[in-house]
């Protein structure tokens, strides 16, 4: 597995992102019983609005999550 993440603060906004590549035992996708390698990514952020916290999250599923 290879993983990367970033985060920063811009004014009252906090932004974050993470991505991961999962390498499995079936890199070419020929074995039906072993999961194929895949990427997954998450982006998010938050800000204070009128003393309440606002948060959002964007998730980019791998194509295997869509099946």
Protein backbone atom coordinates (compact mmCIF):
# COMPACT_ATOMS: atom_id res chain seq x y z
CA UNK A 1 0.00 0.00 0.00
CA UNK A 2 1.20 3.48 -0.88
CA UNK A 3 -0.39 6.40 0.95
CA UNK A 4 -0.15 10.17 0.70
CA UNK A 5 -1.86 13.02 2.51
CA UNK A 6 -1.90 16.80 2.51
CA UNK A 7 -3.45 19.44 4.73
CA UNK A 8 -3.38 23.20 4.96
CA UNK A 9 -5.14 26.12 6.62
CA UNK A 10 -6.24 29.10 4.54
CA UNK A 11 -7.75 31.81 6.71
CA UNK A 12 -10.65 30.25 8.59
CA UNK A 13 -10.71 27.19 6.29
CA UNK A 14 -8.93 23.90 6.91
CA UNK A 15 -8.46 21.66 3.84
CA UNK A 16 -7.30 18.03 3.78
CA UNK A 17 -6.80 15.22 1.31
CA UNK A 18 -5.64 11.61 1.36
CA UNK A 19 -5.03 9.06 -1.36
CA UNK A 20 -3.99 5.43 -1.25
CA UNK A 21 -2.97 2.80 -3.78
CA UNK A 22 -3.53 -0.77 -2.62
CA UNK A 23 -1.32 -3.31 -4.40
CA UNK A 24 -2.70 -6.85 -4.20
CA UNK A 25 -1.44 -10.32 -5.09
CA UNK A 26 -3.22 -10.11 -8.48
CA UNK A 27 -1.71 -7.03 -10.20
CA UNK A 28 -3.01 -7.94 -13.68
CA UNK A 29 -6.55 -8.78 -12.55
CA UNK A 30 -6.59 -12.32 -13.93
CA UNK A 31 -7.63 -14.19 -10.77
CA UNK A 32 -11.33 -13.83 -9.96
CA UNK A 33 -10.80 -14.79 -6.32
CA UNK A 34 -8.18 -12.12 -5.51
CA UNK A 35 -9.09 -8.44 -5.40
CA UNK A 36 -7.41 -6.28 -8.05
CA UNK A 37 -5.17 -3.31 -7.14
CA UNK A 38 -7.04 -0.02 -6.69
CA UNK A 39 -6.80 3.71 -5.81
CA UNK A 40 -9.01 5.52 -3.35
CA UNK A 41 -9.05 9.26 -2.54
CA UNK A 42 -10.76 11.43 0.07
CA UNK A 43 -10.90 15.24 0.16
CA UNK A 44 -12.37 17.25 3.01
CA UNK A 45 -12.39 20.52 4.84
CA UNK A 46 -14.05 22.56 7.53
CA UNK A 47 -14.68 26.11 8.61
CA UNK A 48 -16.27 27.93 11.50
CA UNK A 49 -19.53 29.65 10.56
CA UNK A 50 -21.32 31.65 13.26
CA UNK A 51 -19.71 29.66 16.11
CA UNK A 52 -20.82 26.36 14.52
CA UNK A 53 -18.60 23.99 12.62
CA UNK A 54 -19.28 23.28 8.98
CA UNK A 55 -17.63 20.19 7.48
CA UNK A 56 -17.72 18.61 4.06
CA UNK A 57 -16.26 15.43 2.66
CA UNK A 58 -15.79 14.28 -0.92
CA UNK A 59 -15.07 10.61 -1.50
CA UNK A 60 -13.82 9.26 -4.81
CA UNK A 61 -14.55 5.52 -4.76
CA UNK A 62 -12.46 3.10 -6.73
CA UNK A 63 -14.23 1.41 -9.62
CA UNK A 64 -14.52 -1.81 -7.58
CA UNK A 65 -16.62 0.07 -4.98
CA UNK A 66 -19.09 0.98 -7.74
CA UNK A 67 -19.82 -2.62 -8.72
